[in-house]
Amino acid sequence: MWPLLSMLTVFPTIFMLNFSVHVENQTQVRDTMSRKHHRVYQLYSRTSGKHVQVIGRRISARGEDGDKYAQLVVEADTFGSQVRIRGKETNFYLCMNRRGKLVGKKASNRSADCVFVEKVLENHYTALMSARYTGWYVGFTKRGRPRRGNLTLPNQQEVHFMKRFPPGEQPDLTTPFRFTTISKRSKRVRATGPR
């Protein structure tokens, strides 16, 4: 009896470890089967009080609400939360080089430096961690200047962002939600005689 109880208590922990490893492995793999998901929004920086801008090769957090350079296209094409962020106006991607500096790169460049992992924090802000350089985050100073990724931590306010819709593209929340009705399926009756 005791060996059976010990097996039942050990099995769930083994299963949880294997499942978390599976999810982590699948997050790093590109998903070629699903449709790629594109969203347009602005990233509001908690420290500068402005929006992230991609102005060619220059990156800053000094954009006003509705600024054309502050509108970002976020492309997700993995099982997990890996995204690529592109400036809608300039068509340059937000990237982090090997020194931790934020730079803009042309859309033709499919570098791994331009892939970030979206993390929703306990305070409901979003942090963007480099997928290539684990532990390095996108961050900005109070003046909107980029911070080097190797000097950032997830609990610092400099790396906290809030996603906001651009003006005019906000969803209409006044219309009531419509539930879809599902009718019961009827059982098919097979012909019992020869065909």
N, C-alpha and C. Protein backbone atom coordinates (compact mmCIF):
# COMPACT_ATOMS: atom_id res chain seq x y z
N MET A 1 0.82 -1.20 0.00
CA MET A 1 0.00 0.00 0.00
C MET A 1 0.86 1.25 0.00
N TRP A 2 1.91 1.28 0.84
CA TRP A 2 2.76 2.48 0.94
C TRP A 2 3.50 2.79 -0.36
N PRO A 3 4.04 1.77 -1.07
CA PRO A 3 4.71 2.10 -2.34
C PRO A 3 3.77 2.74 -3.35
N LEU A 4 2.52 2.30 -3.35
CA LEU A 4 1.54 2.88 -4.27
C LEU A 4 1.27 4.35 -3.94
N LEU A 5 1.12 4.68 -2.65
CA LEU A 5 0.90 6.07 -2.25
C LEU A 5 2.09 6.95 -2.57
N SER A 6 3.29 6.43 -2.39
CA SER A 6 4.47 7.24 -2.70
C SER A 6 4.57 7.48 -4.20
N MET A 7 4.17 6.51 -5.02
CA MET A 7 4.17 6.69 -6.47
C MET A 7 3.17 7.76 -6.89
N LEU A 8 2.00 7.78 -6.24
CA LEU A 8 0.98 8.76 -6.58
C LEU A 8 1.41 10.18 -6.21
N THR A 9 2.19 10.34 -5.17
CA THR A 9 2.63 11.69 -4.79
C THR A 9 3.80 12.15 -5.64
N VAL A 10 4.63 11.22 -6.14
CA VAL A 10 5.78 11.59 -6.97
C VAL A 10 5.35 11.86 -8.41
N PHE A 11 4.40 11.10 -8.93
CA PHE A 11 4.02 11.20 -10.33
C PHE A 11 3.56 12.61 -10.74
N PRO A 12 2.70 13.30 -9.98
CA PRO A 12 2.30 14.64 -10.43
C PRO A 12 3.46 15.61 -10.55
N THR A 13 4.46 15.54 -9.67
CA THR A 13 5.59 16.45 -9.79
C THR A 13 6.42 16.13 -11.02
N ILE A 14 6.58 14.86 -11.35
CA ILE A 14 7.31 14.48 -12.56
C ILE A 14 6.56 14.97 -13.78
N PHE A 15 5.25 14.78 -13.78
CA PHE A 15 4.43 15.23 -14.91
C PHE A 15 4.53 16.74 -15.08
N MET A 16 4.47 17.50 -13.98
CA MET A 16 4.54 18.97 -14.05
C MET A 16 5.89 19.42 -14.58
N LEU A 17 6.97 18.76 -14.17
CA LEU A 17 8.29 19.13 -14.65
C LEU A 17 8.40 18.88 -16.15
N ASN A 18 7.93 17.72 -16.61
CA ASN A 18 7.99 17.40 -18.03
C ASN A 18 7.12 18.36 -18.84
N PHE A 19 5.96 18.72 -18.34
CA PHE A 19 5.07 19.61 -19.07
C PHE A 19 5.67 21.01 -19.17
N SER A 20 6.26 21.52 -18.09
CA SER A 20 6.86 22.85 -18.15
C SER A 20 8.05 22.87 -19.09
N VAL A 21 8.82 21.79 -19.13
CA VAL A 21 9.94 21.70 -20.09
C VAL A 21 9.40 21.67 -21.51
N HIS A 22 8.31 20.95 -21.73
CA HIS A 22 7.69 20.88 -23.05
C HIS A 22 7.23 22.27 -23.51
N VAL A 23 6.55 23.00 -22.63
CA VAL A 23 6.07 24.34 -22.99
C VAL A 23 7.25 25.26 -23.29
N GLU A 24 8.30 25.19 -22.49
CA GLU A 24 9.48 26.04 -22.72
C GLU A 24 10.14 25.70 -24.06
N ASN A 25 10.24 24.42 -24.38
CA ASN A 25 10.82 24.02 -25.67
C ASN A 25 9.96 24.46 -26.84
N GLN A 26 8.65 24.34 -26.72
CA GLN A 26 7.76 24.72 -27.80
C GLN A 26 7.72 26.24 -28.00
N THR A 27 7.97 27.01 -26.95
CA THR A 27 7.99 28.46 -27.06
C THR A 27 9.13 28.93 -27.94
N GLN A 28 10.22 28.18 -27.98
CA GLN A 28 11.38 28.58 -28.75
C GLN A 28 11.31 28.14 -30.20
N VAL A 29 10.32 27.33 -30.57
CA VAL A 29 10.20 26.80 -31.92
C VAL A 29 9.22 27.65 -32.71
N ARG A 30 9.56 27.96 -33.94
CA ARG A 30 8.67 28.70 -34.82
C ARG A 30 7.47 27.83 -35.19
N ASP A 31 6.30 28.43 -35.21
CA ASP A 31 5.07 27.71 -35.53
C ASP A 31 4.71 27.99 -36.98
N THR A 32 4.90 27.01 -37.86
CA THR A 32 4.61 27.21 -39.27
C THR A 32 3.18 26.83 -39.64
N MET A 33 2.46 26.19 -38.72
CA MET A 33 1.11 25.74 -39.02
C MET A 33 0.06 26.83 -38.77
N SER A 34 0.22 27.57 -37.69
CA SER A 34 -0.78 28.57 -37.32
C SER A 34 -0.63 29.84 -38.15
N ARG A 35 -1.70 30.59 -38.19
CA ARG A 35 -1.69 31.87 -38.89
C ARG A 35 -0.90 32.87 -38.06
N LYS A 36 -0.07 33.67 -38.71
CA LYS A 36 0.69 34.69 -38.00
C LYS A 36 -0.25 35.77 -37.49
N HIS A 37 0.00 36.23 -36.29
CA HIS A 37 -0.88 37.19 -35.64
C HIS A 37 -0.19 38.56 -35.60
N HIS A 38 -0.85 39.58 -36.15
CA HIS A 38 -0.32 40.94 -36.17
C HIS A 38 -1.27 41.86 -35.41
N ARG A 39 -0.70 42.68 -34.50
CA ARG A 39 -1.48 43.65 -33.75
C ARG A 39 -0.81 45.01 -33.90
N VAL A 40 -1.62 46.06 -33.87
CA VAL A 40 -1.07 47.42 -33.89
C VAL A 40 -1.41 48.08 -32.57
N TYR A 41 -0.39 48.50 -31.83
CA TYR A 41 -0.62 49.25 -30.61
C TYR A 41 0.58 50.12 -30.28
N GLN A 42 0.44 50.91 -29.25
CA GLN A 42 1.51 51.76 -28.75
C GLN A 42 2.00 51.18 -27.43
N LEU A 43 3.29 51.36 -27.15
CA LEU A 43 3.87 50.92 -25.88
C LEU A 43 4.13 52.15 -25.03
N TYR A 44 3.38 52.28 -23.96
CA TYR A 44 3.52 53.41 -23.04
C TYR A 44 4.58 53.06 -22.00
N SER A 45 5.63 53.88 -21.92
CA SER A 45 6.71 53.65 -20.96
C SER A 45 6.33 54.20 -19.60
N ARG A 46 6.49 53.40 -18.58
CA ARG A 46 6.12 53.81 -17.22
C ARG A 46 7.02 54.93 -16.70
N THR A 47 8.29 54.93 -17.06
CA THR A 47 9.21 55.94 -16.52
C THR A 47 9.15 57.26 -17.27
N SER A 48 9.13 57.23 -18.60
CA SER A 48 9.15 58.49 -19.35
C SER A 48 7.76 59.12 -19.47
N GLY A 49 6.72 58.32 -19.32
CA GLY A 49 5.36 58.85 -19.48
C GLY A 49 5.01 59.12 -20.93
N LYS A 50 5.79 58.59 -21.85
CA LYS A 50 5.58 58.76 -23.30
C LYS A 50 5.55 57.38 -23.96
N HIS A 51 5.44 57.37 -25.27
CA HIS A 51 5.34 56.11 -26.02
C HIS A 51 6.65 55.80 -26.75
N VAL A 52 6.91 54.50 -26.92
CA VAL A 52 8.10 54.04 -27.62
C VAL A 52 7.98 54.39 -29.09
N GLN A 53 9.06 54.92 -29.67
CA GLN A 53 9.10 55.30 -31.08
C GLN A 53 10.21 54.53 -31.78
N VAL A 54 9.94 54.13 -33.02
CA VAL A 54 10.96 53.54 -33.89
C VAL A 54 11.11 54.50 -35.06
N ILE A 55 12.15 55.34 -35.00
CA ILE A 55 12.40 56.34 -36.04
C ILE A 55 13.65 55.89 -36.80
N GLY A 56 13.47 55.00 -37.75
CA GLY A 56 14.61 54.45 -38.48
C GLY A 56 15.48 53.63 -37.53
N ARG A 57 16.77 53.96 -37.47
CA ARG A 57 17.69 53.24 -36.59
C ARG A 57 17.63 53.73 -35.15
N ARG A 58 16.99 54.89 -34.92
CA ARG A 58 16.90 55.45 -33.57
C ARG A 58 15.65 54.95 -32.85
N ILE A 59 15.84 54.61 -31.57
CA ILE A 59 14.74 54.16 -30.71
C ILE A 59 14.67 55.10 -29.52
N SER A 60 13.45 55.54 -29.17
CA SER A 60 13.29 56.39 -27.98
C SER A 60 11.92 56.15 -27.38
N ALA A 61 11.69 56.74 -26.22
CA ALA A 61 10.38 56.68 -25.56
C ALA A 61 9.93 58.11 -25.30
N ARG A 62 9.81 58.88 -26.39
CA ARG A 62 9.41 60.28 -26.30
C ARG A 62 8.19 60.59 -27.16
N GLY A 63 7.50 59.58 -27.66
CA GLY A 63 6.38 59.79 -28.56
C GLY A 63 5.10 60.17 -27.84
N GLU A 64 4.36 61.09 -28.45
CA GLU A 64 3.06 61.51 -27.91
C GLU A 64 2.01 60.48 -28.32
N ASP A 65 0.87 60.53 -27.65
CA ASP A 65 -0.24 59.64 -27.97
C ASP A 65 -0.73 59.94 -29.38
N GLY A 66 -0.73 58.94 -30.25
CA GLY A 66 -1.18 59.10 -31.63
C GLY A 66 -0.09 59.47 -32.60
N ASP A 67 1.14 59.65 -32.16
CA ASP A 67 2.26 59.96 -33.04
C ASP A 67 2.44 58.83 -34.05
N LYS A 68 2.72 59.18 -35.31
CA LYS A 68 2.82 58.14 -36.33
C LYS A 68 4.01 57.22 -36.11
N TYR A 69 5.08 57.70 -35.47
CA TYR A 69 6.24 56.85 -35.20
C TYR A 69 6.04 55.98 -33.96
N ALA A 70 5.03 56.26 -33.16
CA ALA A 70 4.77 55.48 -31.95
C ALA A 70 3.84 54.31 -32.20
N GLN A 71 3.31 54.20 -33.42
CA GLN A 71 2.43 53.07 -33.74
C GLN A 71 3.30 51.89 -34.14
N LEU A 72 3.15 50.81 -33.40
CA LEU A 72 3.99 49.63 -33.59
C LEU A 72 3.17 48.44 -34.04
N VAL A 73 3.73 47.66 -34.95
CA VAL A 73 3.09 46.42 -35.40
C VAL A 73 3.81 45.29 -34.68
N VAL A 74 3.07 44.51 -33.91
CA VAL A 74 3.64 43.41 -33.15
C VAL A 74 3.27 42.12 -33.87
N GLU A 75 4.30 41.37 -34.28
CA GLU A 75 4.11 40.14 -35.03
C GLU A 75 4.45 38.95 -34.13
N ALA A 76 3.50 38.04 -33.98
CA ALA A 76 3.71 36.83 -33.18
C ALA A 76 3.55 35.63 -34.10
N ASP A 77 4.55 34.75 -34.11
CA ASP A 77 4.46 33.56 -34.95
C ASP A 77 5.02 32.33 -34.26
N THR A 78 4.84 32.25 -32.95
CA THR A 78 5.30 31.08 -32.22
C THR A 78 4.20 30.56 -31.31
N PHE A 79 4.45 29.41 -30.72
CA PHE A 79 3.52 28.80 -29.77
C PHE A 79 3.41 29.65 -28.52
N GLY A 80 4.50 30.23 -28.10
CA GLY A 80 4.53 31.02 -26.87
C GLY A 80 4.32 32.49 -27.11
N SER A 81 5.11 33.29 -26.44
CA SER A 81 4.90 34.73 -26.48
C SER A 81 6.07 35.46 -27.12
N GLN A 82 6.73 34.86 -28.09
CA GLN A 82 7.82 35.52 -28.79
C GLN A 82 7.25 36.42 -29.86
N VAL A 83 7.72 37.68 -29.89
CA VAL A 83 7.19 38.67 -30.82
C VAL A 83 8.33 39.42 -31.49
N ARG A 84 8.01 40.02 -32.63
CA ARG A 84 8.89 40.96 -33.31
C ARG A 84 8.12 42.27 -33.40
N ILE A 85 8.77 43.38 -33.09
CA ILE A 85 8.09 44.68 -33.04
C ILE A 85 8.65 45.57 -34.15
N ARG A 86 7.73 46.06 -34.99
CA ARG A 86 8.12 46.86 -36.15
C ARG A 86 7.40 48.20 -36.11
N GLY A 87 8.11 49.26 -36.45
CA GLY A 87 7.49 50.57 -36.56
C GLY A 87 6.58 50.60 -37.77
N LYS A 88 5.34 50.99 -37.60
CA LYS A 88 4.37 50.98 -38.71
C LYS A 88 4.76 51.98 -39.80
N GLU A 89 5.28 53.14 -39.43
CA GLU A 89 5.63 54.19 -40.38
C GLU A 89 6.97 53.92 -41.07
N THR A 90 7.98 53.53 -40.31
CA THR A 90 9.33 53.39 -40.86
C THR A 90 9.65 52.00 -41.38
N ASN A 91 8.91 50.99 -40.94
CA ASN A 91 9.13 49.59 -41.32
C ASN A 91 10.47 49.06 -40.81
N PHE A 92 11.00 49.63 -39.74
CA PHE A 92 12.21 49.15 -39.08
C PHE A 92 11.80 48.36 -37.84
N TYR A 93 12.57 47.29 -37.54
CA TYR A 93 12.29 46.47 -36.37
C TYR A 93 13.07 46.97 -35.16
N LEU A 94 12.45 46.83 -33.98
CA LEU A 94 13.12 47.11 -32.72
C LEU A 94 14.00 45.91 -32.41
N CYS A 95 15.32 46.15 -32.22
CA CYS A 95 16.27 45.06 -31.98
C CYS A 95 17.22 45.43 -30.85
N MET A 96 17.86 44.41 -30.28
CA MET A 96 18.87 44.62 -29.24
C MET A 96 20.15 43.94 -29.71
N ASN A 97 21.24 44.72 -29.83
CA ASN A 97 22.49 44.13 -30.30
C ASN A 97 23.23 43.45 -29.15
N ARG A 98 24.39 42.89 -29.45
CA ARG A 98 25.12 42.08 -28.45
C ARG A 98 25.67 42.90 -27.29
N ARG A 99 25.71 44.24 -27.43
CA ARG A 99 26.13 45.11 -26.33
C ARG A 99 24.95 45.57 -25.48
N GLY A 100 23.73 45.15 -25.86
CA GLY A 100 22.54 45.50 -25.09
C GLY A 100 21.91 46.80 -25.53
N LYS A 101 22.38 47.38 -26.63
CA LYS A 101 21.85 48.66 -27.12
C LYS A 101 20.65 48.42 -28.01
N LEU A 102 19.61 49.25 -27.84
CA LEU A 102 18.42 49.16 -28.69
C LEU A 102 18.67 49.90 -30.00
N VAL A 103 18.43 49.22 -31.11
CA VAL A 103 18.62 49.80 -32.44
C VAL A 103 17.46 49.40 -33.34
N GLY A 104 17.29 50.13 -34.43
CA GLY A 104 16.31 49.76 -35.44
C GLY A 104 17.00 49.08 -36.61
N LYS A 105 16.41 48.01 -37.11
CA LYS A 105 16.97 47.29 -38.26
C LYS A 105 15.91 47.19 -39.34
N LYS A 106 16.36 47.14 -40.60
CA LYS A 106 15.45 47.07 -41.73
C LYS A 106 14.62 45.79 -41.69
N ALA A 107 13.45 45.85 -42.31
CA ALA A 107 12.52 44.71 -42.29
C ALA A 107 13.09 43.51 -43.03
N SER A 108 14.01 43.72 -43.97
CA SER A 108 14.59 42.60 -44.71
C SER A 108 15.53 41.77 -43.83
N ASN A 109 15.99 42.34 -42.72
CA ASN A 109 16.90 41.65 -41.80
C ASN A 109 16.09 40.79 -40.83
N ARG A 110 16.16 39.47 -40.95
CA ARG A 110 15.40 38.55 -40.07
C ARG A 110 16.31 38.05 -38.95
N SER A 111 16.93 38.97 -38.23
CA SER A 111 17.88 38.63 -37.20
C SER A 111 17.20 38.14 -35.92
N ALA A 112 17.89 37.28 -35.18
CA ALA A 112 17.38 36.80 -33.89
C ALA A 112 17.48 37.90 -32.83
N ASP A 113 18.22 38.98 -33.13
CA ASP A 113 18.30 40.11 -32.20
C ASP A 113 16.97 40.85 -32.08
N CYS A 114 16.08 40.65 -33.03
CA CYS A 114 14.81 41.38 -33.08
C CYS A 114 13.64 40.61 -32.48
N VAL A 115 13.91 39.50 -31.83
CA VAL A 115 12.85 38.68 -31.23
C VAL A 115 12.84 38.92 -29.73
N PHE A 116 11.66 39.21 -29.19
CA PHE A 116 11.50 39.47 -27.76
C PHE A 116 10.42 38.56 -27.18
N VAL A 117 10.52 38.31 -25.89
CA VAL A 117 9.52 37.51 -25.18
C VAL A 117 8.68 38.47 -24.34
N GLU A 118 7.38 38.49 -24.59
CA GLU A 118 6.46 39.33 -23.81
C GLU A 118 6.19 38.66 -22.47
N LYS A 119 6.39 39.40 -21.39
CA LYS A 119 6.11 38.87 -20.06
C LYS A 119 5.14 39.80 -19.37
N VAL A 120 4.01 39.27 -18.95
CA VAL A 120 3.04 40.06 -18.19
C VAL A 120 3.42 39.92 -16.72
N LEU A 121 3.70 41.04 -16.08
CA LEU A 121 4.18 41.05 -14.71
C LEU A 121 3.02 41.06 -13.72
N GLU A 122 3.33 40.88 -12.44
CA GLU A 122 2.30 40.84 -11.40
C GLU A 122 1.55 42.15 -11.28
N ASN A 123 2.20 43.27 -11.62
CA ASN A 123 1.55 44.58 -11.53
C ASN A 123 0.80 44.93 -12.83
N HIS A 124 0.62 43.96 -13.70
CA HIS A 124 -0.14 44.06 -14.96
C HIS A 124 0.58 44.87 -16.02
N TYR A 125 1.82 45.24 -15.81
CA TYR A 125 2.62 45.85 -16.87
C TYR A 125 3.24 44.74 -17.70
N THR A 126 3.73 45.09 -18.89
CA THR A 126 4.37 44.14 -19.77
C THR A 126 5.86 44.46 -19.84
N ALA A 127 6.70 43.44 -19.80
CA ALA A 127 8.14 43.59 -19.98
C ALA A 127 8.53 42.82 -21.23
N LEU A 128 9.51 43.33 -21.96
CA LEU A 128 9.98 42.70 -23.19
C LEU A 128 11.42 42.23 -22.97
N MET A 129 11.60 40.91 -22.88
CA MET A 129 12.92 40.35 -22.68
C MET A 129 13.47 39.85 -24.01
N SER A 130 14.74 40.08 -24.26
CA SER A 130 15.37 39.60 -25.49
C SER A 130 15.36 38.07 -25.50
N ALA A 131 14.94 37.49 -26.61
CA ALA A 131 14.92 36.03 -26.72
C ALA A 131 16.33 35.48 -26.90
N ARG A 132 17.21 36.28 -27.47
CA ARG A 132 18.58 35.84 -27.70
C ARG A 132 19.44 36.01 -26.45
N TYR A 133 19.28 37.13 -25.77
CA TYR A 133 20.07 37.43 -24.58
C TYR A 133 19.15 37.36 -23.36
N THR A 134 19.03 36.20 -22.79
CA THR A 134 18.11 35.97 -21.67
C THR A 134 18.48 36.85 -20.49
N GLY A 135 17.46 37.51 -19.93
CA GLY A 135 17.67 38.38 -18.78
C GLY A 135 17.90 39.83 -19.14
N TRP A 136 18.00 40.14 -20.45
CA TRP A 136 18.16 41.53 -20.90
C TRP A 136 16.80 42.04 -21.36
N TYR A 137 16.40 43.20 -20.85
CA TYR A 137 15.07 43.74 -21.12
C TYR A 137 15.15 45.07 -21.87
N VAL A 138 14.07 45.38 -22.60
CA VAL A 138 13.92 46.69 -23.22
C VAL A 138 13.58 47.66 -22.11
N GLY A 139 14.31 48.77 -22.02
CA GLY A 139 14.07 49.74 -20.96
C GLY A 139 14.44 51.15 -21.39
N PHE A 140 13.82 52.14 -20.73
CA PHE A 140 14.07 53.55 -21.07
C PHE A 140 14.22 54.36 -19.79
N THR A 141 14.99 55.45 -19.87
CA THR A 141 15.18 56.36 -18.75
C THR A 141 14.00 57.32 -18.67
N LYS A 142 14.03 58.22 -17.68
CA LYS A 142 12.96 59.21 -17.53
C LYS A 142 12.91 60.18 -18.70
N ARG A 143 14.05 60.40 -19.34
CA ARG A 143 14.10 61.30 -20.51
C ARG A 143 13.78 60.58 -21.82
N GLY A 144 13.47 59.29 -21.74
CA GLY A 144 13.09 58.53 -22.93
C GLY A 144 14.25 57.94 -23.69
N ARG A 145 15.42 57.95 -23.09
CA ARG A 145 16.59 57.36 -23.75
C ARG A 145 16.65 55.87 -23.45
N PRO A 146 17.09 55.06 -24.43
CA PRO A 146 17.16 53.61 -24.19
C PRO A 146 18.22 53.26 -23.17
N ARG A 147 17.92 52.28 -22.33
CA ARG A 147 18.91 51.72 -21.39
C ARG A 147 19.50 50.47 -22.01
N ARG A 148 20.72 50.20 -21.67
CA ARG A 148 21.36 48.97 -22.17
C ARG A 148 20.70 47.76 -21.51
N GLY A 149 20.49 46.72 -22.29
CA GLY A 149 19.80 45.53 -21.80
C GLY A 149 20.50 44.83 -20.66
N ASN A 150 21.85 44.88 -20.64
CA ASN A 150 22.57 44.18 -19.58
C ASN A 150 22.51 44.92 -18.25
N LEU A 151 21.91 46.13 -18.22
CA LEU A 151 21.77 46.89 -16.98
C LEU A 151 20.33 46.89 -16.47
N THR A 152 19.50 46.01 -17.01
CA THR A 152 18.08 46.01 -16.64
C THR A 152 17.70 44.74 -15.88
N LEU A 153 16.64 44.88 -15.08
CA LEU A 153 16.06 43.77 -14.33
C LEU A 153 14.54 43.85 -14.48
N PRO A 154 13.82 42.72 -14.36
CA PRO A 154 12.37 42.77 -14.57
C PRO A 154 11.60 43.56 -13.52
N ASN A 155 12.19 43.79 -12.34
CA ASN A 155 11.47 44.53 -11.30
C ASN A 155 11.71 46.03 -11.37
N GLN A 156 12.52 46.50 -12.30
CA GLN A 156 12.78 47.93 -12.45
C GLN A 156 11.64 48.58 -13.23
N GLN A 157 11.27 49.80 -12.85
CA GLN A 157 10.20 50.52 -13.54
C GLN A 157 10.59 50.86 -14.97
N GLU A 158 11.89 50.95 -15.27
CA GLU A 158 12.35 51.31 -16.61
C GLU A 158 11.94 50.29 -17.67
N VAL A 159 11.63 49.07 -17.28
CA VAL A 159 11.28 48.03 -18.26
C VAL A 159 9.78 47.75 -18.29
N HIS A 160 8.98 48.54 -17.60
CA HIS A 160 7.54 48.30 -17.54
C HIS A 160 6.83 49.12 -18.62
N PHE A 161 5.98 48.44 -19.37
CA PHE A 161 5.22 49.08 -20.45
C PHE A 161 3.75 48.72 -20.34
N MET A 162 2.93 49.59 -20.92
CA MET A 162 1.50 49.34 -20.99
C MET A 162 1.11 49.40 -22.47
N LYS A 163 0.37 48.40 -22.92
CA LYS A 163 -0.09 48.39 -24.31
C LYS A 163 -1.31 49.28 -24.44
N ARG A 164 -1.30 50.15 -25.45
CA ARG A 164 -2.44 51.05 -25.68
C ARG A 164 -2.78 51.04 -27.16
N PHE A 165 -4.07 51.09 -27.45
CA PHE A 165 -4.49 51.20 -28.84
C PHE A 165 -4.21 52.61 -29.34
N PRO A 166 -3.83 52.76 -30.61
CA PRO A 166 -3.69 54.11 -31.16
C PRO A 166 -5.06 54.79 -31.22
N PRO A 167 -5.10 56.12 -31.14
CA PRO A 167 -6.40 56.81 -31.21
C PRO A 167 -7.11 56.47 -32.53
N GLY A 168 -8.39 56.21 -32.43
CA GLY A 168 -9.18 55.86 -33.61
C GLY A 168 -9.24 54.37 -33.89
N GLU A 169 -8.39 53.59 -33.26
CA GLU A 169 -8.38 52.14 -33.48
C GLU A 169 -8.83 51.38 -32.26
N GLN A 170 -9.47 52.07 -31.33
CA GLN A 170 -9.92 51.40 -30.12
C GLN A 170 -11.19 50.60 -30.41
N PRO A 171 -11.30 49.42 -29.82
CA PRO A 171 -12.50 48.61 -30.06
C PRO A 171 -13.73 49.27 -29.47
N ASP A 172 -14.86 49.03 -30.10
CA ASP A 172 -16.13 49.59 -29.64
C ASP A 172 -16.64 48.72 -28.48
N LEU A 173 -16.57 49.25 -27.27
CA LEU A 173 -16.99 48.49 -26.09
C LEU A 173 -18.44 48.75 -25.71
N THR A 174 -19.16 49.58 -26.49
CA THR A 174 -20.55 49.88 -26.16
C THR A 174 -21.51 48.82 -26.68
N THR A 175 -21.11 48.09 -27.71
CA THR A 175 -22.00 47.05 -28.23
C THR A 175 -21.97 45.85 -27.30
N PRO A 176 -23.12 45.28 -27.02
CA PRO A 176 -23.17 44.13 -26.10
C PRO A 176 -22.53 42.90 -26.74
N PHE A 177 -22.00 42.05 -25.89
CA PHE A 177 -21.39 40.81 -26.34
C PHE A 177 -22.47 39.84 -26.78
N ARG A 178 -22.28 39.21 -27.91
CA ARG A 178 -23.25 38.26 -28.43
C ARG A 178 -22.74 36.84 -28.21
N PHE A 179 -23.56 36.04 -27.58
CA PHE A 179 -23.21 34.65 -27.38
C PHE A 179 -23.60 33.86 -28.62
N THR A 180 -22.80 32.89 -28.96
CA THR A 180 -23.17 32.03 -30.08
C THR A 180 -23.94 30.84 -29.54
N THR A 181 -24.97 30.47 -30.25
CA THR A 181 -25.78 29.33 -29.81
C THR A 181 -25.32 28.09 -30.56
N ILE A 182 -25.30 27.01 -29.86
CA ILE A 182 -24.90 25.74 -30.46
C ILE A 182 -26.10 24.82 -30.39
N SER A 183 -26.51 24.35 -31.53
CA SER A 183 -27.64 23.43 -31.55
C SER A 183 -27.13 22.01 -31.34
N LYS A 184 -27.98 21.18 -30.78
CA LYS A 184 -27.61 19.80 -30.53
C LYS A 184 -27.53 19.06 -31.87
N ARG A 185 -26.54 18.21 -31.97
CA ARG A 185 -26.40 17.43 -33.19
C ARG A 185 -27.35 16.23 -33.14
N SER A 186 -27.96 15.98 -34.22
CA SER A 186 -28.84 14.80 -34.26
C SER A 186 -28.01 13.59 -34.68
N LYS A 187 -28.42 12.43 -34.20
CA LYS A 187 -27.69 11.21 -34.53
C LYS A 187 -28.04 10.80 -35.95
N ARG A 188 -27.03 10.40 -36.65
CA ARG A 188 -27.26 9.90 -38.01
C ARG A 188 -27.80 8.48 -37.94
N VAL A 189 -28.72 8.19 -38.81
CA VAL A 189 -29.28 6.84 -38.87
C VAL A 189 -28.70 6.17 -40.09
N ARG A 190 -28.03 5.05 -39.85
CA ARG A 190 -27.43 4.33 -40.97
C ARG A 190 -28.46 3.41 -41.61
N ALA A 191 -28.33 3.31 -42.86
CA ALA A 191 -29.19 2.34 -43.58
C ALA A 191 -28.69 0.93 -43.24
N THR A 192 -29.61 0.07 -42.84
CA THR A 192 -29.22 -1.27 -42.42
C THR A 192 -29.21 -2.26 -43.56
N GLY A 193 -29.80 -1.92 -44.66
CA GLY A 193 -29.86 -2.85 -45.77
C GLY A 193 -28.64 -2.76 -46.66
N PRO A 194 -28.53 -3.68 -47.63
CA PRO A 194 -27.39 -3.65 -48.54
C PRO A 194 -27.48 -2.46 -49.48
N ARG A 195 -26.36 -2.02 -49.95
CA ARG A 195 -26.31 -0.84 -50.83
C ARG A 195 -26.31 -1.24 -52.26
